[in-house]
Protein backbone atom coordinates (compact mmCIF):
# COMPACT_ATOMS: atom_id res chain seq x y z
CA MET A 1 4.77 22.90 23.95
CA SER A 2 1.44 21.37 24.94
CA TRP A 3 -0.04 18.24 23.28
CA LEU A 4 -2.58 20.45 21.53
CA GLN A 5 0.14 22.66 20.09
CA ARG A 6 2.08 19.59 18.94
CA LEU A 7 -1.06 18.22 17.26
CA ARG A 8 -1.70 21.51 15.51
CA ALA A 9 1.92 21.53 14.30
CA ILE A 10 1.54 17.99 12.94
CA LEU A 11 -1.72 18.82 11.19
CA ALA A 12 -0.16 21.94 9.65
CA LYS A 13 2.44 19.73 7.98
CA THR A 14 -0.09 17.17 6.73
CA ARG A 15 -0.69 17.30 2.99
CA LYS A 16 -4.15 18.25 1.73
CA TYR A 17 -4.74 15.38 -0.70
CA SER A 18 -4.91 11.60 -0.13
CA SER A 19 -3.59 12.05 3.37
CA PHE A 20 -5.17 9.22 5.41
CA TRP A 21 -1.86 7.55 6.36
CA GLU A 22 0.27 10.68 6.27
CA TRP A 23 2.44 11.27 9.30
CA PRO A 24 5.58 13.37 9.69
CA ASP A 25 7.65 10.46 11.02
CA LYS A 26 8.23 8.08 8.07
CA GLU A 27 9.07 5.04 10.19
CA VAL A 28 6.02 5.49 12.47
CA LYS A 29 3.86 5.82 9.34
CA GLU A 30 5.24 2.67 7.77
CA ARG A 31 4.84 0.57 10.92
CA GLY A 32 1.27 1.83 11.26
CA ILE A 33 0.47 0.84 7.67
CA VAL A 34 2.02 -2.65 8.19
CA ARG A 35 -0.10 -3.13 11.38
CA ASP A 36 -3.24 -2.10 9.46
CA TRP A 37 -2.34 -4.54 6.66
CA ILE A 38 -1.82 -7.34 9.17
CA ALA A 39 -5.23 -6.63 10.74
CA ALA A 40 -6.92 -6.32 7.33
CA THR A 41 -5.56 -9.69 6.17
CA ALA A 42 -5.99 -11.43 9.57
CA GLN A 43 -2.36 -12.52 9.55
CA ASN A 44 -2.28 -12.60 13.33
CA GLU A 45 0.77 -14.90 13.35
CA LEU A 46 2.91 -11.91 12.28
CA THR A 47 4.42 -10.26 15.31
CA GLY A 48 7.24 -7.92 16.25
CA VAL A 49 6.75 -5.30 13.52
CA ALA A 50 9.88 -3.15 13.39
CA SER A 51 11.55 -0.68 11.08
CA THR A 52 14.81 -1.74 9.38
CA ASP A 53 18.06 0.15 9.49
CA ARG A 54 18.46 -0.04 5.71
CA ASP A 55 15.55 -0.39 3.29
CA PRO A 56 14.25 -2.06 1.28
CA PRO A 57 12.38 -3.58 2.98
CA ASP A 58 10.95 -0.84 5.14
CA CYS A 59 9.78 -3.17 7.92
CA ILE A 60 10.19 -6.72 9.14
CA ALA A 61 7.94 -9.02 11.17
CA HIS A 62 8.21 -12.57 12.32
CA ASP A 63 5.89 -15.40 11.34
CA GLY A 64 4.62 -18.34 13.43
CA ASP A 65 7.50 -20.56 12.29
CA GLY A 66 10.14 -18.11 13.39
CA GLY A 67 10.87 -16.87 9.91
CA THR A 68 11.48 -13.20 9.03
CA VAL A 69 9.04 -11.47 6.72
CA GLY A 70 10.24 -8.39 4.85
CA ILE A 71 7.63 -5.78 4.12
CA GLU A 72 8.08 -2.95 1.68
CA VAL A 73 5.55 -0.09 1.93
CA THR A 74 4.71 2.29 -0.86
CA GLU A 75 1.83 4.47 -2.04
CA LEU A 76 -0.49 4.65 -5.01
CA VAL A 77 -1.07 8.38 -5.45
CA ASP A 78 -1.04 10.94 -8.19
CA GLN A 79 1.80 13.29 -7.33
CA ARG A 80 0.53 16.04 -9.63
CA ALA A 81 -2.77 16.08 -7.74
CA VAL A 82 -0.87 16.26 -4.44
CA GLU A 83 1.15 19.27 -5.67
CA MET A 84 -1.84 21.05 -7.15
CA ASN A 85 -3.88 20.68 -3.98
CA GLU A 86 -1.01 21.98 -1.88
CA ARG A 87 -1.21 25.19 -3.94
CA ALA A 88 -5.04 25.41 -3.71
CA THR A 89 -6.28 28.35 -1.65
CA CYS A 90 -9.95 27.35 -1.50
CA LEU A 91 -12.13 24.29 -1.97
CA GLU A 92 -12.98 25.32 -5.53
CA ASP A 93 -9.35 24.91 -6.48
CA ARG A 94 -9.15 21.30 -5.28
CA VAL A 95 -8.53 18.65 -7.96
CA TYR A 96 -8.80 14.86 -8.04
CA CYS A 97 -7.09 12.34 -10.26
CA ALA A 98 -9.54 10.54 -12.52
CA TRP A 99 -8.16 7.04 -12.12
CA THR A 100 -9.56 4.30 -14.26
CA LEU A 101 -9.20 0.49 -13.95
CA GLN A 102 -6.61 0.60 -16.72
CA SER A 103 -4.58 3.42 -15.29
CA VAL A 104 -4.54 1.93 -11.80
CA THR A 105 -3.53 -1.48 -13.23
CA GLU A 106 -0.71 0.07 -15.27
CA ARG A 107 0.54 2.10 -12.29
CA ILE A 108 0.63 -0.96 -10.03
CA GLU A 109 2.59 -2.85 -12.65
CA GLU A 110 5.08 -0.02 -12.65
CA ILE A 111 5.28 0.01 -8.86
CA ILE A 112 5.88 -3.77 -8.74
CA ARG A 113 8.66 -3.61 -11.39
CA HIS A 114 10.29 -0.64 -9.65
CA LYS A 115 10.23 -2.12 -6.18
CA ASP A 116 11.33 -5.54 -7.39
CA SER A 117 14.36 -4.04 -9.13
CA LYS A 118 15.84 -2.73 -5.91
CA ALA A 119 18.46 -4.73 -4.00
CA VAL A 120 17.03 -6.18 -0.78
CA HIS A 121 18.97 -5.81 2.43
CA GLY A 122 19.07 -8.19 5.35
CA GLY A 123 17.33 -11.53 5.35
CA PRO A 124 17.03 -14.26 4.43
CA TYR A 125 13.28 -13.65 4.26
CA ALA A 126 10.61 -16.32 4.43
CA ARG A 127 8.44 -13.91 2.42
CA LEU A 128 8.99 -10.55 0.82
CA VAL A 129 5.74 -8.53 0.76
CA LEU A 130 4.87 -5.30 -1.05
CA VAL A 131 2.02 -3.33 0.56
CA ILE A 132 0.67 -0.56 -1.63
CA HIS A 133 -1.53 1.80 0.39
CA CYS A 134 -4.03 4.12 -1.24
CA ASP A 135 -6.26 6.96 -0.15
CA GLU A 136 -7.15 8.21 -3.71
CA PRO A 137 -10.83 9.35 -3.67
CA ILE A 138 -11.67 7.60 -6.92
CA VAL A 139 -10.02 4.29 -6.01
CA VAL A 140 -11.57 4.05 -2.54
CA SER A 141 -15.06 4.98 -3.80
CA PRO A 142 -17.70 2.22 -4.19
CA CYS A 143 -17.81 3.02 -7.92
CA PHE A 144 -14.27 1.80 -8.52
CA PRO A 145 -14.21 -1.87 -9.85
CA LEU A 146 -12.03 -3.25 -7.08
CA ASP A 147 -13.13 -6.86 -7.78
CA ALA A 148 -12.01 -6.54 -11.40
CA LEU A 149 -8.59 -5.20 -10.25
CA GLY A 150 -8.31 -8.18 -7.93
CA GLN A 151 -8.82 -10.58 -10.85
CA HIS A 152 -5.99 -9.10 -12.92
CA VAL A 153 -2.86 -11.21 -13.13
CA PHE A 154 0.20 -9.02 -12.60
CA SER A 155 3.68 -9.93 -13.84
CA GLN A 156 5.60 -12.27 -11.52
CA PRO A 157 8.40 -10.38 -9.73
CA GLU A 158 11.77 -12.02 -9.09
CA ARG A 159 12.17 -11.06 -5.42
CA ILE A 160 8.75 -10.01 -4.20
CA THR A 161 6.48 -12.92 -3.25
CA GLU A 162 3.22 -11.15 -2.37
CA VAL A 163 1.62 -7.82 -3.41
CA TYR A 164 -1.36 -6.20 -1.66
CA LEU A 165 -3.43 -3.03 -2.15
CA LEU A 166 -4.56 -1.57 1.15
CA LEU A 167 -7.35 0.99 0.93
CA SER A 168 -8.03 3.63 3.51
CA TYR A 169 -11.83 3.28 3.40
CA ARG A 170 -14.64 1.74 1.42
CA PRO A 171 -18.19 2.12 2.73
CA ASP A 172 -19.54 -1.11 1.17
CA PRO A 173 -19.59 -3.93 1.81
CA PRO A 174 -18.93 -3.67 5.56
CA ARG A 175 -15.40 -4.73 6.41
CA GLN A 176 -15.87 -5.39 10.15
CA GLY A 177 -13.68 -2.44 11.17
CA TYR A 178 -10.73 -3.23 8.94
CA TYR A 179 -9.59 -1.49 5.81
CA PRO A 180 -10.26 -3.18 2.47
CA CYS A 181 -7.25 -5.11 1.19
CA VAL A 182 -6.75 -7.01 -2.02
CA ARG A 183 -4.01 -9.57 -2.57
CA PHE A 184 -2.96 -9.47 -6.21
CA ARG A 185 -2.50 -12.49 -8.40
CA LEU A 186 1.00 -12.87 -9.76
CA GLY A 187 1.90 -14.90 -12.82
CA LYS A 188 4.19 -15.08 -15.82
CA GLY A 189 1.91 -13.15 -18.08
CA GLU A 190 -1.72 -13.04 -18.91
CA ASP A 191 -2.09 -16.85 -19.12
CA GLU A 192 -3.83 -17.48 -15.80
CA SER A 193 -3.38 -21.26 -16.17
CA GLN A 194 0.31 -20.82 -15.22
CA LEU A 195 -0.79 -19.81 -11.73
CA ASP A 196 -2.12 -23.33 -11.23
CA GLY A 197 0.99 -25.03 -12.58
CA GLN A 198 -0.74 -26.03 -15.82
CA PRO A 199 1.33 -26.12 -19.04
């Protein structure tokens, strides 16, 4: 099979909706997302990205102090929209999820709780990071209030130490070649003063 035939076979298996990071090989996909996250956050001290034998976490990397960083990768996507677009036979049948700031915030809270409830394998980890990647058309559009989402204080997980949202593309403002990435604020509730150690 030629490289062109292999490429066509891969593209034929790619889903039709929110497919920026889609790749048939799950481990290759996850490592690629982790490398994009490292580049987007300029964490150049993280090296040696590798898949783990048992997840979570999906990947590990090593920091500048020799510590191991566990990185769990997951997606923010509307599964119903994925399924409906797979059945679409023409462009007129395509659908998009009408995400709002509230629905995205609630979904991310669910993702954090779900991922934090899973037993972590390996370690010990200097940090345990959750990277949520997203190619949803509404969320990556300039109209979505990404800054407001970044100001929300999410519930403090027990195991996960950092949570990021990595977007596939956002045309403004210019991001110097990297994908937009937001690090979420984690606290013990909606009292933001607790983040600063205030009573």
